[in-house]
C-alpha atoms as a PDB file:
ATOM      1  CA  MET A   1       3.634  11.841  24.584  1.00  0.00           C
ATOM      2  CA  PHE A   2       6.205  11.864  21.764  1.00  0.00           C
ATOM      3  CA  GLY A   3       6.368   8.503  20.018  1.00  0.00           C
ATOM      4  CA  THR A   4       2.904   7.404  21.138  1.00  0.00           C
ATOM      5  CA  TYR A   5       0.201   6.646  18.610  1.00  0.00           C
ATOM      6  CA  HIS A   6      -1.955   9.530  17.372  1.00  0.00           C
ATOM      7  CA  SER A   7      -5.628   8.510  17.093  1.00  0.00           C
ATOM      8  CA  LYS A   8      -7.155  11.894  16.287  1.00  0.00           C
ATOM      9  CA  LYS A   9      -7.892  13.536  12.941  1.00  0.00           C
ATOM     10  CA  PRO A  10      -6.718  13.563  10.202  1.00  0.00           C
ATOM     11  CA  ASP A  11      -7.654   9.978   9.422  1.00  0.00           C
ATOM     12  CA  ILE A  12      -4.721   7.804   8.396  1.00  0.00           C
ATOM     13  CA  ASP A  13      -6.418   6.656   5.157  1.00  0.00           C
ATOM     14  CA  ASN A  14      -6.704  10.273   3.989  1.00  0.00           C
ATOM     15  CA  LEU A  15      -3.050  10.949   4.787  1.00  0.00           C
ATOM     16  CA  VAL A  16      -1.920   7.821   2.942  1.00  0.00           C
ATOM     17  CA  LYS A  17      -4.054   8.575  -0.118  1.00  0.00           C
ATOM     18  CA  THR A  18      -2.585  12.071  -0.376  1.00  0.00           C
ATOM     19  CA  VAL A  19       0.986  10.752  -0.307  1.00  0.00           C
ATOM     20  CA  LEU A  20       0.316   7.872  -2.716  1.00  0.00           C
ATOM     21  CA  ASP A  21      -1.466  10.105  -5.228  1.00  0.00           C
ATOM     22  CA  ALA A  22       1.304  12.722  -5.041  1.00  0.00           C
ATOM     23  CA  ALA A  23       3.917  10.076  -5.874  1.00  0.00           C
ATOM     24  CA  ASN A  24       2.083   8.899  -9.024  1.00  0.00           C
ATOM     25  CA  LYS A  25       4.285   9.335 -12.107  1.00  0.00           C
ATOM     26  CA  HIS A  26       7.219  10.298  -9.852  1.00  0.00           C
ATOM     27  CA  ILE A  27       8.042   7.195  -7.800  1.00  0.00           C
ATOM     28  CA  TRP A  28       5.722   4.725  -9.551  1.00  0.00           C
ATOM     29  CA  ILE A  29       3.482   4.871 -12.609  1.00  0.00           C
ATOM     30  CA  ASP A  30       0.276   4.475 -10.582  1.00  0.00           C
ATOM     31  CA  ASP A  31      -0.396   3.725  -6.924  1.00  0.00           C
ATOM     32  CA  GLY A  32      -2.404   0.693  -8.066  1.00  0.00           C
ATOM     33  CA  GLN A  33       0.993  -1.017  -8.341  1.00  0.00           C
ATOM     34  CA  ILE A  34       1.410  -1.015  -4.545  1.00  0.00           C
ATOM     35  CA  VAL A  35       0.895  -4.476  -3.074  1.00  0.00           C
ATOM     36  CA  SER A  36       1.769  -3.973   0.598  1.00  0.00           C
ATOM     37  CA  MET A  37       2.214  -1.182   3.135  1.00  0.00           C
ATOM     38  CA  VAL A  38       2.475  -0.553   6.871  1.00  0.00           C
ATOM     39  CA  THR A  39       1.296   2.797   8.206  1.00  0.00           C
ATOM     40  CA  GLU A  40       1.406   4.497  11.602  1.00  0.00           C
ATOM     41  CA  LYS A  41       0.512   7.910  13.003  1.00  0.00           C
ATOM     42  CA  ARG A  42       2.603   9.000  15.962  1.00  0.00           C
ATOM     43  CA  TYR A  43       3.158  12.196  17.887  1.00  0.00           C
ATOM     44  CA  VAL A  44       6.532  13.688  16.909  1.00  0.00           C
ATOM     45  CA  ARG A  45       8.399  16.927  17.490  1.00  0.00           C
ATOM     46  CA  GLU A  46       8.695  17.776  13.764  1.00  0.00           C
ATOM     47  CA  PRO A  47       5.950  16.735  11.297  1.00  0.00           C
ATOM     48  CA  LYS A  48       7.304  14.332   8.683  1.00  0.00           C
ATOM     49  CA  ILE A  49       6.543  11.431   6.417  1.00  0.00           C
ATOM     50  CA  LEU A  50       8.949   8.505   6.290  1.00  0.00           C
ATOM     51  CA  MET A  51       8.548   6.198   3.311  1.00  0.00           C
ATOM     52  CA  THR A  52      10.575   3.229   2.118  1.00  0.00           C
ATOM     53  CA  VAL A  53       9.878   1.966  -1.395  1.00  0.00           C
ATOM     54  CA  GLU A  54      11.071  -1.451  -2.552  1.00  0.00           C
ATOM     55  CA  GLU A  55      10.591  -3.011  -5.935  1.00  0.00           C
ATOM     56  CA  VAL A  56       9.264  -6.579  -5.832  1.00  0.00           C
END
């Protein structure tokens, strides 16, 4: 099961919003600056968030 997609709650849009809002004024001025993103929810052994930020 590890590595397969997770389609249960919490909803991915709620997870993403939490992370983006938390990074406001720390990684970027406002999350309105974000122009592109790819998101996935997968079953893993240890809960984590992996994020790559690139300036364009």
